[in-house]
């Protein structure tokens, strides 16, 4: 299996961001609080699980998931700012 390019990794992070954000938003909107708490806990575990691939990937993954969780919980929907990469600046 070929190694993903930098652009493909960026798309994966964006896909992960939108997936997590929308999942939390929908569960909260439909008042499925048990499922919402379960998914939130699962995403918190995933925050730290990304570090198994290295510090750089772990930090980028941590930032992406934590922003997705924040936006999903606070109902910040819409597109991310142009040029957002998920990298620490």
N, C-alpha and C. Protein backbone atom coordinates (compact mmCIF):
# COMPACT_ATOMS: atom_id res chain seq x y z
N UNK A 1 0.85 -1.17 0.00
CA UNK A 1 0.00 0.00 0.00
C UNK A 1 0.89 1.23 0.00
N UNK A 2 0.67 2.16 -0.93
CA UNK A 2 1.51 3.37 -1.00
C UNK A 2 1.25 4.30 0.17
N UNK A 3 2.29 5.03 0.52
CA UNK A 3 2.19 6.01 1.60
C UNK A 3 1.36 7.20 1.12
N UNK A 4 0.40 7.66 1.93
CA UNK A 4 -0.42 8.80 1.50
C UNK A 4 0.41 10.07 1.36
N UNK A 5 0.07 10.88 0.39
CA UNK A 5 0.76 12.16 0.21
C UNK A 5 0.25 13.16 1.24
N UNK A 6 0.95 14.29 1.32
CA UNK A 6 0.58 15.32 2.29
C UNK A 6 -0.84 15.84 2.02
N UNK A 7 -1.19 15.99 0.75
CA UNK A 7 -2.52 16.48 0.39
C UNK A 7 -3.60 15.46 0.78
N UNK A 8 -3.31 14.17 0.63
CA UNK A 8 -4.28 13.13 1.01
C UNK A 8 -4.47 13.11 2.52
N UNK A 9 -3.38 13.31 3.28
CA UNK A 9 -3.50 13.36 4.74
C UNK A 9 -4.36 14.54 5.17
N UNK A 10 -4.19 15.68 4.49
CA UNK A 10 -4.98 16.87 4.82
C UNK A 10 -6.46 16.58 4.59
N UNK A 11 -6.78 15.89 3.49
CA UNK A 11 -8.17 15.54 3.22
C UNK A 11 -8.71 14.60 4.28
N UNK A 12 -7.86 13.68 4.75
CA UNK A 12 -8.30 12.77 5.81
C UNK A 12 -8.61 13.52 7.09
N UNK A 13 -7.79 14.51 7.42
CA UNK A 13 -8.05 15.30 8.63
C UNK A 13 -9.33 16.11 8.48
N UNK A 14 -9.56 16.66 7.31
CA UNK A 14 -10.80 17.41 7.10
C UNK A 14 -12.00 16.48 7.16
N UNK A 15 -11.87 15.30 6.60
CA UNK A 15 -12.97 14.33 6.66
C UNK A 15 -13.25 13.94 8.11
N UNK A 16 -12.20 13.72 8.87
CA UNK A 16 -12.34 13.38 10.28
C UNK A 16 -13.00 14.53 11.04
N UNK A 17 -12.58 15.76 10.77
CA UNK A 17 -13.15 16.93 11.43
C UNK A 17 -14.66 17.00 11.21
N UNK A 18 -15.07 16.95 9.93
CA UNK A 18 -16.50 17.08 9.62
C UNK A 18 -17.30 15.90 10.17
N UNK A 19 -16.72 14.72 10.16
CA UNK A 19 -17.41 13.54 10.67
C UNK A 19 -17.70 13.66 12.16
N UNK A 20 -16.68 14.00 12.93
CA UNK A 20 -16.82 14.14 14.38
C UNK A 20 -17.77 15.28 14.72
N UNK A 21 -17.58 16.43 14.08
CA UNK A 21 -18.40 17.60 14.36
C UNK A 21 -19.88 17.33 14.08
N UNK A 22 -20.16 16.77 12.92
CA UNK A 22 -21.55 16.53 12.54
C UNK A 22 -22.20 15.46 13.41
N UNK A 23 -21.44 14.44 13.76
CA UNK A 23 -21.98 13.37 14.61
C UNK A 23 -22.39 13.94 15.97
N UNK A 24 -21.53 14.73 16.59
CA UNK A 24 -21.87 15.30 17.89
C UNK A 24 -23.03 16.29 17.79
N UNK A 25 -23.06 17.08 16.72
CA UNK A 25 -24.13 18.04 16.52
C UNK A 25 -25.48 17.33 16.39
N UNK A 26 -25.53 16.29 15.57
CA UNK A 26 -26.79 15.56 15.34
C UNK A 26 -27.28 14.88 16.60
N UNK A 27 -26.38 14.25 17.34
CA UNK A 27 -26.79 13.57 18.58
C UNK A 27 -27.34 14.58 19.59
N UNK A 28 -26.70 15.74 19.68
CA UNK A 28 -27.17 16.76 20.62
C UNK A 28 -28.50 17.36 20.16
N UNK A 29 -28.61 17.61 18.87
CA UNK A 29 -29.83 18.21 18.32
C UNK A 29 -31.04 17.32 18.56
N UNK A 30 -30.87 16.02 18.43
CA UNK A 30 -31.98 15.08 18.60
C UNK A 30 -32.11 14.58 20.04
N UNK A 31 -31.39 15.21 20.94
CA UNK A 31 -31.48 14.93 22.38
C UNK A 31 -31.19 13.47 22.72
N UNK A 32 -30.22 12.90 22.04
CA UNK A 32 -29.77 11.54 22.33
C UNK A 32 -28.56 11.66 23.25
N UNK A 33 -28.83 12.02 24.49
CA UNK A 33 -27.76 12.39 25.41
C UNK A 33 -26.85 11.24 25.79
N UNK A 34 -27.37 10.04 25.93
CA UNK A 34 -26.52 8.89 26.26
C UNK A 34 -25.55 8.62 25.12
N UNK A 35 -26.06 8.62 23.90
CA UNK A 35 -25.20 8.41 22.73
C UNK A 35 -24.21 9.57 22.58
N UNK A 36 -24.65 10.78 22.88
CA UNK A 36 -23.78 11.95 22.80
C UNK A 36 -22.61 11.82 23.78
N UNK A 37 -22.92 11.43 25.01
CA UNK A 37 -21.86 11.26 26.02
C UNK A 37 -20.91 10.12 25.64
N UNK A 38 -21.47 9.04 25.11
CA UNK A 38 -20.64 7.91 24.69
C UNK A 38 -19.69 8.34 23.57
N UNK A 39 -20.21 9.04 22.56
CA UNK A 39 -19.38 9.47 21.44
C UNK A 39 -18.34 10.51 21.87
N UNK A 40 -18.72 11.39 22.79
CA UNK A 40 -17.77 12.37 23.31
C UNK A 40 -16.62 11.67 24.02
N UNK A 41 -16.93 10.69 24.84
CA UNK A 41 -15.89 9.91 25.51
C UNK A 41 -15.00 9.18 24.53
N UNK A 42 -15.60 8.63 23.51
CA UNK A 42 -14.85 7.92 22.49
C UNK A 42 -13.89 8.87 21.76
N UNK A 43 -14.36 10.08 21.48
CA UNK A 43 -13.52 11.06 20.79
C UNK A 43 -12.40 11.55 21.69
N UNK A 44 -12.63 11.63 22.99
CA UNK A 44 -11.58 12.03 23.93
C UNK A 44 -10.47 10.99 23.92
N UNK A 45 -10.83 9.72 23.88
CA UNK A 45 -9.81 8.66 23.80
C UNK A 45 -9.04 8.78 22.48
N UNK A 46 -9.75 9.08 21.39
CA UNK A 46 -9.11 9.22 20.09
C UNK A 46 -8.13 10.39 20.05
N UNK A 47 -8.35 11.41 20.90
CA UNK A 47 -7.43 12.54 20.95
C UNK A 47 -6.01 12.07 21.21
N UNK A 48 -5.86 11.15 22.12
CA UNK A 48 -4.53 10.69 22.55
C UNK A 48 -4.04 9.48 21.76
N UNK A 49 -4.96 8.78 21.12
CA UNK A 49 -4.60 7.59 20.37
C UNK A 49 -3.77 7.93 19.13
N UNK A 50 -3.91 9.12 18.60
CA UNK A 50 -3.16 9.53 17.41
C UNK A 50 -1.66 9.65 17.65
N UNK A 51 -1.23 9.79 18.90
CA UNK A 51 0.19 9.95 19.20
C UNK A 51 0.98 8.67 18.97
N UNK A 52 0.31 7.57 18.77
CA UNK A 52 1.03 6.32 18.51
C UNK A 52 1.75 6.36 17.17
N UNK A 53 1.36 7.29 16.29
CA UNK A 53 2.00 7.44 14.98
C UNK A 53 3.09 8.50 14.98
N UNK A 54 3.39 9.08 16.13
CA UNK A 54 4.44 10.08 16.22
C UNK A 54 3.91 11.40 16.74
N UNK A 55 4.82 12.23 17.16
CA UNK A 55 4.45 13.49 17.78
C UNK A 55 3.80 14.45 16.78
N UNK A 56 4.35 14.58 15.59
CA UNK A 56 3.80 15.50 14.59
C UNK A 56 2.39 15.13 14.20
N UNK A 57 2.19 13.87 13.87
CA UNK A 57 0.85 13.40 13.51
C UNK A 57 -0.09 13.52 14.69
N UNK A 58 0.40 13.17 15.88
CA UNK A 58 -0.43 13.22 17.08
C UNK A 58 -0.93 14.62 17.38
N UNK A 59 -0.05 15.62 17.25
CA UNK A 59 -0.46 17.01 17.52
C UNK A 59 -1.47 17.50 16.50
N UNK A 60 -1.24 17.15 15.22
CA UNK A 60 -2.17 17.57 14.17
C UNK A 60 -3.54 16.90 14.38
N UNK A 61 -3.52 15.63 14.71
CA UNK A 61 -4.76 14.88 14.97
C UNK A 61 -5.47 15.43 16.20
N UNK A 62 -4.72 15.71 17.26
CA UNK A 62 -5.28 16.26 18.50
C UNK A 62 -5.98 17.58 18.23
N UNK A 63 -5.33 18.45 17.46
CA UNK A 63 -5.92 19.76 17.16
C UNK A 63 -7.18 19.62 16.33
N UNK A 64 -7.15 18.72 15.35
CA UNK A 64 -8.32 18.52 14.48
C UNK A 64 -9.51 18.00 15.26
N UNK A 65 -9.30 16.95 16.06
CA UNK A 65 -10.40 16.33 16.81
C UNK A 65 -10.92 17.28 17.88
N UNK A 66 -10.01 17.97 18.58
CA UNK A 66 -10.47 18.88 19.64
C UNK A 66 -11.28 20.04 19.06
N UNK A 67 -10.87 20.55 17.90
CA UNK A 67 -11.66 21.63 17.28
C UNK A 67 -13.01 21.10 16.81
N UNK A 68 -13.03 19.89 16.28
CA UNK A 68 -14.29 19.29 15.83
C UNK A 68 -15.23 19.09 17.02
N UNK A 69 -14.70 18.64 18.14
CA UNK A 69 -15.53 18.45 19.33
C UNK A 69 -16.07 19.79 19.82
N UNK A 70 -15.22 20.80 19.86
CA UNK A 70 -15.66 22.12 20.31
C UNK A 70 -16.76 22.66 19.39
N UNK A 71 -16.54 22.57 18.08
CA UNK A 71 -17.53 23.09 17.14
C UNK A 71 -18.82 22.28 17.17
N UNK A 72 -18.74 20.97 17.34
CA UNK A 72 -19.94 20.14 17.41
C UNK A 72 -20.76 20.40 18.66
N UNK A 73 -20.08 20.59 19.77
CA UNK A 73 -20.78 20.84 21.04
C UNK A 73 -21.40 22.23 21.05
N UNK A 74 -20.68 23.22 20.50
CA UNK A 74 -21.17 24.60 20.48
C UNK A 74 -22.03 24.92 19.26
N UNK A 75 -22.28 23.92 18.42
CA UNK A 75 -23.09 24.07 17.20
C UNK A 75 -22.52 25.09 16.22
N UNK A 76 -21.20 25.16 16.12
CA UNK A 76 -20.54 26.00 15.12
C UNK A 76 -20.47 25.22 13.82
N UNK A 77 -21.48 25.40 12.99
CA UNK A 77 -21.54 24.67 11.73
C UNK A 77 -21.04 25.57 10.61
N UNK A 78 -20.82 24.99 9.46
CA UNK A 78 -20.31 25.73 8.31
C UNK A 78 -18.91 25.28 7.97
N UNK A 79 -18.32 25.93 6.99
CA UNK A 79 -16.99 25.56 6.54
C UNK A 79 -15.92 26.10 7.47
N UNK A 80 -14.79 25.41 7.47
CA UNK A 80 -13.63 25.89 8.19
C UNK A 80 -13.04 27.08 7.44
N UNK A 81 -12.27 27.92 8.12
CA UNK A 81 -11.64 29.05 7.43
C UNK A 81 -10.73 28.55 6.31
N UNK A 82 -10.65 29.32 5.24
CA UNK A 82 -9.81 28.97 4.09
C UNK A 82 -8.36 28.80 4.55
N UNK A 83 -7.75 27.71 4.15
CA UNK A 83 -6.35 27.48 4.47
C UNK A 83 -6.12 26.80 5.80
N UNK A 84 -7.16 26.45 6.54
CA UNK A 84 -6.96 25.76 7.82
C UNK A 84 -6.45 24.37 7.54
N UNK A 85 -5.32 24.04 8.16
CA UNK A 85 -4.68 22.75 7.88
C UNK A 85 -4.73 21.81 9.05
N UNK A 86 -5.05 22.29 10.23
CA UNK A 86 -5.03 21.44 11.40
C UNK A 86 -3.68 21.43 12.07
N UNK A 87 -2.72 22.18 11.54
CA UNK A 87 -1.38 22.21 12.12
C UNK A 87 -1.28 23.30 13.17
N UNK A 88 -0.43 23.04 14.14
CA UNK A 88 -0.18 24.05 15.18
C UNK A 88 0.61 25.19 14.57
N UNK A 89 0.22 26.40 14.89
CA UNK A 89 0.90 27.58 14.31
C UNK A 89 1.56 28.38 15.38
